Amino acid sequence: MESNYKHDERYFEARKRVNEIKGFYGNLASYIVLNIFFLVLNLLTSPKNLWFFWPLIGWGIGVFFHGMKVFNYMPFVNKDWEERKIRQFMEEEKRRNAEKFQ
């Protein structure tokens, strides 16, 4: 019974990761297509005033950090950090509860 539970848990974790990666690639595809559209629109309507690079830069920063998160490349806030923080908060809560009942 327990092995089925672990199997299901691993399946849902893997499915979650696949959905995160799909979401990133969807974001990246939208970024590329819409920024090409903005470039063409900008050059056709007001070539002397180049504004297309503002959404390119702003959205690009978002895509960059999204990719770092999805592919677990967050040097300071990674999965190990998350697990340590969760354990820390759980221990603090356990300690507070123990102090209440003393």
N, C-alpha and C. Protein backbone atom coordinates (compact mmCIF):
# COMPACT_ATOMS: atom_id res chain seq x y z
N MET A 1 0.82 -1.20 0.00
CA MET A 1 0.00 0.00 0.00
C MET A 1 0.87 1.26 0.00
N GLU A 2 1.89 1.24 0.86
CA GLU A 2 2.75 2.42 0.95
C GLU A 2 3.50 2.66 -0.36
N SER A 3 3.92 1.60 -1.02
CA SER A 3 4.66 1.77 -2.27
C SER A 3 3.78 2.41 -3.34
N ASN A 4 2.47 2.07 -3.36
CA ASN A 4 1.54 2.71 -4.29
C ASN A 4 1.43 4.20 -4.00
N TYR A 5 1.39 4.54 -2.71
CA TYR A 5 1.32 5.94 -2.31
C TYR A 5 2.55 6.70 -2.80
N LYS A 6 3.73 6.11 -2.60
CA LYS A 6 4.95 6.75 -3.04
C LYS A 6 4.99 6.87 -4.56
N HIS A 7 4.49 5.83 -5.23
CA HIS A 7 4.45 5.86 -6.69
C HIS A 7 3.55 7.00 -7.15
N ASP A 8 2.36 7.12 -6.55
CA ASP A 8 1.44 8.20 -6.91
C ASP A 8 2.05 9.56 -6.63
N GLU A 9 2.73 9.68 -5.49
CA GLU A 9 3.36 10.95 -5.14
C GLU A 9 4.43 11.32 -6.15
N ARG A 10 5.24 10.34 -6.55
CA ARG A 10 6.28 10.60 -7.56
C ARG A 10 5.65 10.97 -8.90
N TYR A 11 4.55 10.31 -9.25
CA TYR A 11 3.86 10.62 -10.50
C TYR A 11 3.36 12.06 -10.50
N PHE A 12 2.71 12.47 -9.41
CA PHE A 12 2.18 13.83 -9.35
C PHE A 12 3.29 14.87 -9.32
N GLU A 13 4.40 14.57 -8.67
CA GLU A 13 5.55 15.48 -8.68
C GLU A 13 6.11 15.60 -10.09
N ALA A 14 6.25 14.47 -10.78
CA ALA A 14 6.76 14.48 -12.16
C ALA A 14 5.81 15.24 -13.07
N ARG A 15 4.52 15.02 -12.90
CA ARG A 15 3.53 15.72 -13.70
C ARG A 15 3.58 17.23 -13.45
N LYS A 16 3.77 17.60 -12.20
CA LYS A 16 3.88 19.02 -11.84
C LYS A 16 5.09 19.64 -12.54
N ARG A 17 6.23 18.93 -12.52
CA ARG A 17 7.45 19.43 -13.18
C ARG A 17 7.24 19.61 -14.68
N VAL A 18 6.58 18.61 -15.31
CA VAL A 18 6.31 18.70 -16.75
C VAL A 18 5.44 19.91 -17.04
N ASN A 19 4.43 20.15 -16.23
CA ASN A 19 3.56 21.31 -16.43
C ASN A 19 4.32 22.62 -16.23
N GLU A 20 5.24 22.66 -15.28
CA GLU A 20 6.06 23.86 -15.08
C GLU A 20 6.93 24.13 -16.30
N ILE A 21 7.53 23.07 -16.85
CA ILE A 21 8.38 23.22 -18.03
C ILE A 21 7.55 23.65 -19.23
N LYS A 22 6.37 23.03 -19.42
CA LYS A 22 5.48 23.44 -20.51
C LYS A 22 5.09 24.90 -20.36
N GLY A 23 4.81 25.33 -19.14
CA GLY A 23 4.45 26.72 -18.90
C GLY A 23 5.58 27.66 -19.27
N PHE A 24 6.81 27.27 -18.95
CA PHE A 24 7.95 28.10 -19.30
C PHE A 24 8.08 28.21 -20.82
N TYR A 25 7.99 27.09 -21.52
CA TYR A 25 8.13 27.13 -22.98
C TYR A 25 6.99 27.92 -23.63
N GLY A 26 5.80 27.86 -23.05
CA GLY A 26 4.70 28.68 -23.54
C GLY A 26 5.00 30.16 -23.35
N ASN A 27 5.53 30.50 -22.19
CA ASN A 27 5.91 31.88 -21.90
C ASN A 27 7.01 32.34 -22.87
N LEU A 28 8.00 31.48 -23.09
CA LEU A 28 9.10 31.82 -23.99
C LEU A 28 8.59 32.01 -25.43
N ALA A 29 7.72 31.14 -25.88
CA ALA A 29 7.17 31.26 -27.24
C ALA A 29 6.37 32.55 -27.39
N SER A 30 5.54 32.87 -26.39
CA SER A 30 4.78 34.12 -26.43
C SER A 30 5.72 35.32 -26.45
N TYR A 31 6.76 35.25 -25.66
CA TYR A 31 7.76 36.33 -25.59
C TYR A 31 8.38 36.58 -26.97
N ILE A 32 8.78 35.51 -27.62
CA ILE A 32 9.43 35.65 -28.93
C ILE A 32 8.45 36.20 -29.97
N VAL A 33 7.28 35.58 -30.06
CA VAL A 33 6.30 35.98 -31.09
C VAL A 33 5.84 37.42 -30.87
N LEU A 34 5.47 37.75 -29.66
CA LEU A 34 4.94 39.09 -29.42
C LEU A 34 6.02 40.16 -29.53
N ASN A 35 7.24 39.84 -29.16
CA ASN A 35 8.29 40.85 -29.31
C ASN A 35 8.67 41.07 -30.76
N ILE A 36 8.57 40.05 -31.59
CA ILE A 36 8.75 40.24 -33.04
C ILE A 36 7.63 41.13 -33.56
N PHE A 37 6.40 40.87 -33.10
CA PHE A 37 5.26 41.71 -33.49
C PHE A 37 5.48 43.16 -33.06
N PHE A 38 5.93 43.38 -31.81
CA PHE A 38 6.19 44.73 -31.33
C PHE A 38 7.27 45.42 -32.16
N LEU A 39 8.31 44.69 -32.53
CA LEU A 39 9.39 45.24 -33.34
C LEU A 39 8.85 45.70 -34.69
N VAL A 40 8.10 44.83 -35.36
CA VAL A 40 7.54 45.17 -36.67
C VAL A 40 6.58 46.34 -36.55
N LEU A 41 5.70 46.30 -35.55
CA LEU A 41 4.74 47.39 -35.33
C LEU A 41 5.47 48.71 -35.09
N ASN A 42 6.47 48.68 -34.26
CA ASN A 42 7.24 49.88 -33.95
C ASN A 42 7.92 50.43 -35.20
N LEU A 43 8.55 49.57 -35.97
CA LEU A 43 9.27 50.03 -37.16
C LEU A 43 8.33 50.53 -38.25
N LEU A 44 7.11 49.98 -38.31
CA LEU A 44 6.14 50.43 -39.32
C LEU A 44 5.45 51.72 -38.91
N THR A 45 5.20 51.92 -37.64
CA THR A 45 4.41 53.07 -37.20
C THR A 45 5.26 54.26 -36.75
N SER A 46 6.33 54.02 -36.06
CA SER A 46 7.15 55.14 -35.58
C SER A 46 8.62 54.71 -35.49
N PRO A 47 9.27 54.58 -36.64
CA PRO A 47 10.66 54.09 -36.64
C PRO A 47 11.65 55.03 -35.96
N LYS A 48 11.28 56.31 -35.80
CA LYS A 48 12.20 57.25 -35.15
C LYS A 48 12.12 57.16 -33.63
N ASN A 49 11.05 56.59 -33.14
CA ASN A 49 10.86 56.43 -31.69
C ASN A 49 10.84 54.93 -31.38
N LEU A 50 11.98 54.39 -31.02
CA LEU A 50 12.08 52.95 -30.78
C LEU A 50 11.66 52.61 -29.34
N TRP A 51 10.46 52.08 -29.22
CA TRP A 51 9.93 51.72 -27.90
C TRP A 51 9.86 50.21 -27.71
N PHE A 52 10.05 49.44 -28.78
CA PHE A 52 9.86 47.99 -28.71
C PHE A 52 10.78 47.32 -27.70
N PHE A 53 11.93 47.94 -27.43
CA PHE A 53 12.88 47.28 -26.54
C PHE A 53 12.44 47.32 -25.07
N TRP A 54 11.50 48.21 -24.71
CA TRP A 54 11.04 48.24 -23.30
C TRP A 54 10.31 46.96 -22.92
N PRO A 55 9.30 46.52 -23.70
CA PRO A 55 8.70 45.22 -23.34
C PRO A 55 9.68 44.07 -23.53
N LEU A 56 10.59 44.19 -24.50
CA LEU A 56 11.60 43.16 -24.73
C LEU A 56 12.45 42.97 -23.47
N ILE A 57 12.89 44.07 -22.88
CA ILE A 57 13.73 44.00 -21.68
C ILE A 57 12.91 43.56 -20.46
N GLY A 58 11.78 44.22 -20.25
CA GLY A 58 10.96 43.91 -19.06
C GLY A 58 10.48 42.48 -19.02
N TRP A 59 9.87 42.06 -20.11
CA TRP A 59 9.37 40.69 -20.19
C TRP A 59 10.53 39.70 -20.21
N GLY A 60 11.64 40.09 -20.84
CA GLY A 60 12.82 39.24 -20.89
C GLY A 60 13.36 38.91 -19.51
N ILE A 61 13.34 39.89 -18.63
CA ILE A 61 13.77 39.66 -17.24
C ILE A 61 12.86 38.62 -16.59
N GLY A 62 11.56 38.78 -16.81
CA GLY A 62 10.60 37.81 -16.26
C GLY A 62 10.82 36.42 -16.81
N VAL A 63 11.04 36.30 -18.11
CA VAL A 63 11.28 35.00 -18.74
C VAL A 63 12.56 34.38 -18.18
N PHE A 64 13.58 35.20 -18.00
CA PHE A 64 14.85 34.72 -17.47
C PHE A 64 14.67 34.10 -16.08
N PHE A 65 13.99 34.83 -15.19
CA PHE A 65 13.80 34.30 -13.83
C PHE A 65 12.84 33.12 -13.81
N HIS A 66 11.86 33.13 -14.70
CA HIS A 66 10.95 31.99 -14.82
C HIS A 66 11.75 30.74 -15.20
N GLY A 67 12.64 30.89 -16.18
CA GLY A 67 13.48 29.76 -16.60
C GLY A 67 14.39 29.29 -15.48
N MET A 68 14.96 30.22 -14.74
CA MET A 68 15.84 29.84 -13.62
C MET A 68 15.06 29.03 -12.59
N LYS A 69 13.83 29.44 -12.32
CA LYS A 69 13.02 28.73 -11.33
C LYS A 69 12.63 27.35 -11.84
N VAL A 70 12.15 27.28 -13.07
CA VAL A 70 11.67 26.01 -13.63
C VAL A 70 12.80 24.99 -13.73
N PHE A 71 13.99 25.43 -14.12
CA PHE A 71 15.09 24.50 -14.29
C PHE A 71 15.99 24.42 -13.06
N ASN A 72 15.44 24.86 -11.93
CA ASN A 72 16.11 24.75 -10.62
C ASN A 72 17.49 25.35 -10.61
N TYR A 73 17.63 26.51 -11.20
CA TYR A 73 18.91 27.19 -11.14
C TYR A 73 18.73 28.52 -10.41
N MET A 74 18.39 28.41 -9.15
CA MET A 74 18.29 29.59 -8.30
C MET A 74 19.39 29.44 -7.26
N PRO A 75 20.51 30.09 -7.47
CA PRO A 75 21.65 29.87 -6.59
C PRO A 75 21.36 30.12 -5.11
N PHE A 76 20.46 31.03 -4.81
CA PHE A 76 20.21 31.37 -3.41
C PHE A 76 18.92 30.77 -2.88
N VAL A 77 17.93 30.61 -3.75
CA VAL A 77 16.63 30.10 -3.33
C VAL A 77 16.32 28.86 -4.16
N ASN A 78 16.89 27.73 -3.77
CA ASN A 78 16.67 26.49 -4.51
C ASN A 78 15.85 25.52 -3.67
N LYS A 79 15.68 24.31 -4.16
CA LYS A 79 14.87 23.30 -3.49
C LYS A 79 15.42 22.97 -2.10
N ASP A 80 16.76 22.89 -1.98
CA ASP A 80 17.36 22.60 -0.67
C ASP A 80 17.04 23.71 0.32
N TRP A 81 17.11 24.95 -0.14
CA TRP A 81 16.79 26.09 0.71
C TRP A 81 15.34 26.00 1.18
N GLU A 82 14.44 25.69 0.24
CA GLU A 82 13.02 25.56 0.57
C GLU A 82 12.82 24.50 1.64
N GLU A 83 13.44 23.34 1.45
CA GLU A 83 13.29 22.25 2.42
C GLU A 83 13.83 22.64 3.79
N ARG A 84 14.98 23.32 3.82
CA ARG A 84 15.54 23.77 5.10
C ARG A 84 14.61 24.76 5.79
N LYS A 85 14.04 25.69 5.02
CA LYS A 85 13.11 26.67 5.59
C LYS A 85 11.85 26.00 6.11
N ILE A 86 11.32 25.04 5.37
CA ILE A 86 10.13 24.32 5.82
C ILE A 86 10.41 23.61 7.13
N ARG A 87 11.56 22.90 7.19
CA ARG A 87 11.93 22.22 8.44
C ARG A 87 12.11 23.21 9.58
N GLN A 88 12.74 24.35 9.29
CA GLN A 88 12.94 25.38 10.31
C GLN A 88 11.60 25.87 10.85
N PHE A 89 10.66 26.20 9.96
CA PHE A 89 9.36 26.69 10.40
C PHE A 89 8.59 25.63 11.18
N MET A 90 8.71 24.37 10.74
CA MET A 90 8.02 23.30 11.46
C MET A 90 8.60 23.12 12.85
N GLU A 91 9.93 23.21 12.98
CA GLU A 91 10.57 23.08 14.29
C GLU A 91 10.18 24.24 15.19
N GLU A 92 10.13 25.44 14.64
CA GLU A 92 9.73 26.60 15.42
C GLU A 92 8.30 26.46 15.92
N GLU A 93 7.42 25.98 15.04
CA GLU A 93 6.02 25.77 15.42
C GLU A 93 5.92 24.69 16.50
N LYS A 94 6.68 23.63 16.35
CA LYS A 94 6.69 22.54 17.33
C LYS A 94 7.16 23.07 18.69
N ARG A 95 8.21 23.89 18.67
CA ARG A 95 8.75 24.46 19.90
C ARG A 95 7.73 25.40 20.57
N ARG A 96 7.07 26.22 19.77
CA ARG A 96 6.04 27.14 20.33
C ARG A 96 4.90 26.35 20.95
N ASN A 97 4.47 25.29 20.27
CA ASN A 97 3.39 24.47 20.80
C ASN A 97 3.81 23.78 22.10
N ALA A 98 5.05 23.32 22.15
CA ALA A 98 5.56 22.67 23.37
C ALA A 98 5.63 23.66 24.52
N GLU A 99 6.01 24.90 24.23
CA GLU A 99 6.08 25.93 25.27
C GLU A 99 4.71 26.31 25.79
N LYS A 100 3.69 26.25 24.94
CA LYS A 100 2.32 26.57 25.37
C LYS A 100 1.81 25.59 26.41
N PHE A 101 2.18 24.33 26.25
CA PHE A 101 1.64 23.28 27.11
C PHE A 101 2.52 22.98 28.31
N GLN A 102 3.53 23.79 28.57
CA GLN A 102 4.37 23.55 29.74
C GLN A 102 3.89 24.39 30.90
